[in-house]
Protein backbone atom coordinates (compact mmCIF):
# COMPACT_ATOMS: atom_id res chain seq x y z
CA MET A 1 -2.31 -37.45 11.99
CA SER A 2 -2.12 -35.30 15.04
CA GLU A 3 -3.46 -31.83 15.58
CA SER A 4 -2.46 -29.99 18.73
CA ALA A 5 -5.25 -27.43 18.84
CA SER A 6 -8.96 -27.24 18.20
CA PHE A 7 -10.02 -25.32 15.13
CA PRO A 8 -12.35 -22.36 15.74
CA THR A 9 -15.05 -21.32 13.36
CA ARG A 10 -14.57 -18.43 10.97
CA ALA A 11 -16.40 -16.16 13.41
CA THR A 12 -13.77 -16.73 16.10
CA GLY A 13 -10.65 -17.49 14.11
CA GLY A 14 -9.04 -17.80 10.71
CA TYR A 15 -11.03 -20.85 9.69
CA ARG A 16 -14.20 -21.70 7.85
CA ALA A 17 -16.32 -24.80 8.01
CA ARG A 18 -15.59 -27.35 5.29
CA ASN A 19 -17.18 -30.65 4.33
CA PRO A 20 -16.32 -32.99 7.27
CA GLY A 21 -15.95 -35.91 4.87
CA ARG A 22 -13.45 -33.96 2.79
CA ARG A 23 -11.46 -33.03 5.87
CA GLN A 24 -11.40 -36.65 7.04
CA PHE A 25 -10.23 -37.79 3.61
CA ALA A 26 -7.51 -35.14 3.64
CA ARG A 27 -6.36 -36.28 7.10
CA LEU A 28 -6.12 -39.87 5.90
CA ALA A 29 -4.34 -38.98 2.66
CA PHE A 30 -1.88 -36.75 4.48
CA ALA A 31 -1.22 -39.38 7.15
CA LEU A 32 -0.45 -41.96 4.46
CA THR A 33 2.39 -39.76 3.25
CA GLY A 34 3.92 -39.85 6.72
CA TRP A 35 3.23 -36.16 7.38
CA ARG A 36 1.31 -34.62 10.24
CA VAL A 37 -0.14 -31.25 11.18
CA SER A 38 0.87 -29.37 14.33
CA ILE A 39 -0.90 -26.24 15.57
CA GLU A 40 0.51 -24.57 18.70
CA HIS A 41 -2.25 -21.95 19.01
CA PRO A 42 -5.56 -21.25 17.27
CA VAL A 43 -4.89 -18.86 14.42
CA PRO A 44 -6.60 -15.46 14.85
CA ALA A 45 -9.19 -14.22 12.40
CA LYS A 46 -6.75 -11.54 11.25
CA CYS A 47 -3.03 -12.21 11.02
CA ILE A 48 0.01 -12.63 8.82
CA VAL A 49 1.22 -16.21 8.44
CA ILE A 50 4.94 -16.35 7.71
CA GLY A 51 5.67 -19.25 5.35
CA ALA A 52 9.24 -20.51 5.59
CA PRO A 53 11.48 -22.05 4.54
CA HIS A 54 10.50 -21.89 0.86
CA THR A 55 12.79 -24.05 -1.26
CA SER A 56 10.45 -26.06 -3.49
CA GLY A 57 7.21 -25.96 -5.41
CA ALA A 58 6.14 -28.85 -3.20
CA ASP A 59 5.57 -26.26 -0.46
CA LEU A 60 2.36 -25.36 -2.27
CA PHE A 61 1.01 -28.88 -1.79
CA ALA A 62 1.96 -28.84 1.89
CA THR A 63 0.03 -25.58 2.20
CA TRP A 64 -2.95 -27.00 0.34
CA PHE A 65 -3.13 -30.08 2.56
CA LEU A 66 -2.83 -27.88 5.63
CA MET A 67 -5.86 -25.92 4.44
CA LEU A 68 -7.84 -29.09 3.71
CA VAL A 69 -6.99 -30.82 6.98
CA THR A 70 -7.74 -27.82 9.18
CA GLY A 71 -10.60 -26.39 7.13
CA MET A 72 -8.66 -23.14 7.14
CA ASN A 73 -9.36 -20.37 4.68
CA PHE A 74 -6.48 -17.99 4.04
CA SER A 75 -5.06 -15.94 1.22
CA TRP A 76 -1.54 -15.99 -0.12
CA ALA A 77 0.27 -14.02 -2.78
CA ALA A 78 2.58 -15.13 -5.57
CA LYS A 79 4.12 -13.73 -8.74
CA ASP A 80 1.47 -13.18 -11.38
CA GLU A 81 3.31 -15.34 -13.93
CA LEU A 82 1.98 -18.41 -12.09
CA PHE A 83 -1.65 -17.47 -12.65
CA PHE A 84 -2.00 -18.53 -16.26
CA PRO A 85 -4.99 -20.81 -17.12
CA PRO A 86 -5.75 -23.47 -16.12
CA LEU A 87 -3.33 -23.41 -13.17
CA GLY A 88 -4.34 -19.84 -12.34
CA TRP A 89 -7.96 -20.86 -11.84
CA PHE A 90 -6.90 -23.46 -9.27
CA LEU A 91 -4.51 -21.08 -7.50
CA ARG A 92 -7.20 -18.41 -7.15
CA ALA A 93 -9.68 -21.02 -5.89
CA ILE A 94 -7.36 -21.89 -2.99
CA GLY A 95 -6.72 -18.26 -2.02
CA GLY A 96 -3.98 -17.14 -4.39
CA ILE A 97 -3.46 -13.41 -5.05
CA PRO A 98 -1.39 -12.55 -8.17
CA VAL A 99 1.28 -9.90 -7.59
CA ASN A 100 3.10 -7.97 -10.29
CA ARG A 101 6.76 -8.20 -9.28
CA ARG A 102 7.89 -6.05 -12.20
CA ALA A 103 6.36 -2.83 -10.87
CA ARG A 104 5.68 -1.14 -7.56
CA THR A 105 1.99 -1.53 -6.85
CA ASP A 106 1.84 -0.60 -3.13
CA PHE A 107 1.24 -4.23 -2.24
CA VAL A 108 1.70 -3.46 1.45
CA GLY A 109 -0.96 -0.73 1.36
CA GLN A 110 -3.38 -2.96 -0.55
CA MET A 111 -3.05 -5.77 1.98
CA VAL A 112 -3.44 -3.38 4.93
CA LYS A 113 -6.71 -2.19 3.40
CA HIS A 114 -7.95 -5.80 3.29
CA PHE A 115 -7.28 -6.09 7.01
CA GLU A 116 -9.09 -2.82 7.67
CA THR A 117 -12.20 -3.67 5.68
CA ARG A 118 -12.71 -7.38 6.34
CA ASP A 119 -13.92 -9.21 9.42
CA ALA A 120 -11.50 -12.08 8.79
CA PHE A 121 -8.33 -12.02 6.71
CA VAL A 122 -5.40 -14.40 7.09
CA LEU A 123 -2.55 -13.68 4.68
CA GLY A 124 0.28 -16.15 4.06
CA ILE A 125 3.62 -14.70 2.96
CA ALA A 126 6.94 -16.35 2.11
CA PRO A 127 9.51 -13.64 2.88
CA GLU A 128 12.26 -15.45 0.98
CA GLY A 129 10.40 -14.59 -2.20
CA THR A 130 11.87 -17.36 -4.35
CA ARG A 131 12.62 -21.08 -4.20
CA GLY A 132 16.27 -20.48 -5.14
CA THR A 133 19.06 -19.53 -2.76
CA LYS A 134 18.35 -16.18 -1.10
CA THR A 135 20.69 -13.53 0.27
CA PHE A 136 18.11 -11.88 2.52
CA TRP A 137 14.45 -11.93 3.52
CA LYS A 138 11.97 -9.39 2.21
CA THR A 139 10.23 -7.32 4.85
CA GLY A 140 6.79 -6.64 3.41
CA PHE A 141 5.20 -9.19 5.73
CA TYR A 142 6.49 -7.30 8.76
CA PHE A 143 5.28 -3.87 7.70
CA ILE A 144 1.87 -5.20 6.70
CA ALA A 145 1.49 -6.67 10.19
CA LEU A 146 2.79 -3.49 11.80
CA ARG A 147 0.51 -1.12 9.85
CA ALA A 148 -2.53 -3.39 10.18
CA ASN A 149 -1.81 -4.05 13.88
CA VAL A 150 -2.16 -7.81 13.50
CA PRO A 151 0.04 -10.63 14.84
CA MET A 152 2.52 -12.67 12.84
CA VAL A 153 2.05 -16.45 13.03
CA PHE A 154 5.12 -18.60 12.35
CA GLY A 155 4.04 -21.07 9.67
CA TYR A 156 6.41 -23.77 8.45
CA ALA A 157 6.93 -27.03 6.59
CA ASP A 158 9.63 -29.12 8.26
CA TYR A 159 10.69 -31.72 5.69
CA GLN A 160 12.99 -33.55 8.08
CA ARG A 161 10.31 -34.27 10.67
CA LYS A 162 7.50 -34.25 8.07
CA VAL A 163 5.47 -31.70 9.99
CA VAL A 164 3.55 -28.75 8.60
CA GLY A 165 1.75 -26.25 10.77
CA PHE A 166 1.80 -23.10 12.86
CA GLY A 167 4.23 -22.29 15.65
CA PRO A 168 4.43 -19.20 17.89
CA MET A 169 2.75 -15.85 17.33
CA MET A 170 4.18 -12.39 17.92
CA MET A 171 3.01 -8.82 17.52
CA PRO A 172 5.42 -6.54 15.66
CA SER A 173 6.90 -4.03 18.09
CA GLY A 174 8.11 -1.57 15.48
CA ASP A 175 11.74 -2.52 16.16
CA LEU A 176 12.40 -4.54 13.02
CA ASP A 177 15.91 -5.64 13.96
CA ALA A 178 14.94 -6.87 17.43
CA ASP A 179 11.82 -8.65 16.19
CA PHE A 180 13.72 -10.23 13.33
CA GLU A 181 16.14 -11.84 15.78
CA HIS A 182 13.20 -13.76 17.29
CA ILE A 183 12.06 -14.82 13.82
CA LYS A 184 15.60 -15.86 12.86
CA ARG A 185 16.08 -18.02 15.95
CA TYR A 186 12.88 -19.92 15.23
CA TYR A 187 13.38 -20.59 11.53
CA SER A 188 17.10 -21.38 11.73
CA ALA A 189 16.20 -24.82 13.10
CA ILE A 190 13.69 -25.74 10.38
CA PRO A 191 14.95 -27.50 7.21
CA GLY A 192 13.16 -27.04 3.91
CA ARG A 193 12.87 -29.68 1.21
CA PHE A 194 16.19 -28.55 -0.27
CA PRO A 195 18.28 -27.21 2.64
CA GLU A 196 21.09 -26.27 0.26
CA ARG A 197 18.80 -23.58 -1.18
CA GLN A 198 18.25 -21.97 2.21
CA GLY A 199 20.35 -18.86 2.45
CA GLU A 200 21.20 -17.03 5.63
CA ILE A 201 18.16 -15.63 7.41
CA ARG A 202 18.97 -11.94 7.51
CA LEU A 203 17.66 -8.53 6.58
CA LYS A 204 18.87 -6.61 3.57
CA PRO A 205 21.89 -4.52 4.67
CA PRO A 206 22.15 -2.22 6.51
CA GLY A 207 19.14 -3.80 8.23
CA ASN A 208 17.09 -0.70 9.02
CA ILE A 209 14.68 -0.60 6.09
CA ALA A 210 12.46 2.43 5.68
CA ALA A 211 8.79 1.91 4.90
CA SER A 212 9.33 3.79 1.65
CA ASP A 213 11.82 1.11 0.61
CA LEU A 214 9.43 -1.79 1.09
CA PRO A 215 9.40 -4.35 -1.71
CA SER A 216 5.75 -3.94 -2.66
CA GLN A 217 6.23 -6.80 -5.11
CA ASP A 218 6.81 -9.32 -2.30
CA SER A 219 6.53 -12.77 -3.80
CA THR A 220 4.64 -14.69 -1.21
CA ILE A 221 3.23 -18.18 -0.85
CA ASN A 222 3.43 -21.55 0.83
CA LEU A 223 3.88 -22.72 4.40
């Protein structure tokens, strides 16, 4: 197991202290699977973590191990149908936020308020929104970061290299198309568990999406 950055405390980053023995056990268990964790930069106390590609339910376990190994505490959102007992109890315990995808609930506004009112809030979002083949990425993650004035951290699970972690960070400039080109270049080289389910990384045509058109029901989980 290799980790390429030190992990700050919750006061200085998006982490919280966990039982050292539990973290050591998680490192060992994860290493035995042949996977490793890679962190390019310490994750800020407030940020959006983009989780891509998302092609399998196994992404949840990669995310969970990442949290255990790093001692990181972050929230992530997923369709509310997943939160039935007893699974729902476990999902909430590891930071899950149920989202009603059948109605507009101003998800973006709700998440921005969390950033405004909390000292530390790291939110993981899978812009693809589903494990099946996608035709475009949802943009809620971008507008949350833009409105909350927080950076976007490029989270990933590379099933070919067996690496899960965090790559570059970028602040949203307000130019969605230009920023998305940077995001596209990075994620185009990362294979998910089922590469055949990875659609083209692109915005919904015509590309310039108004804030009023945001998909407030963004389905979002898993690095």
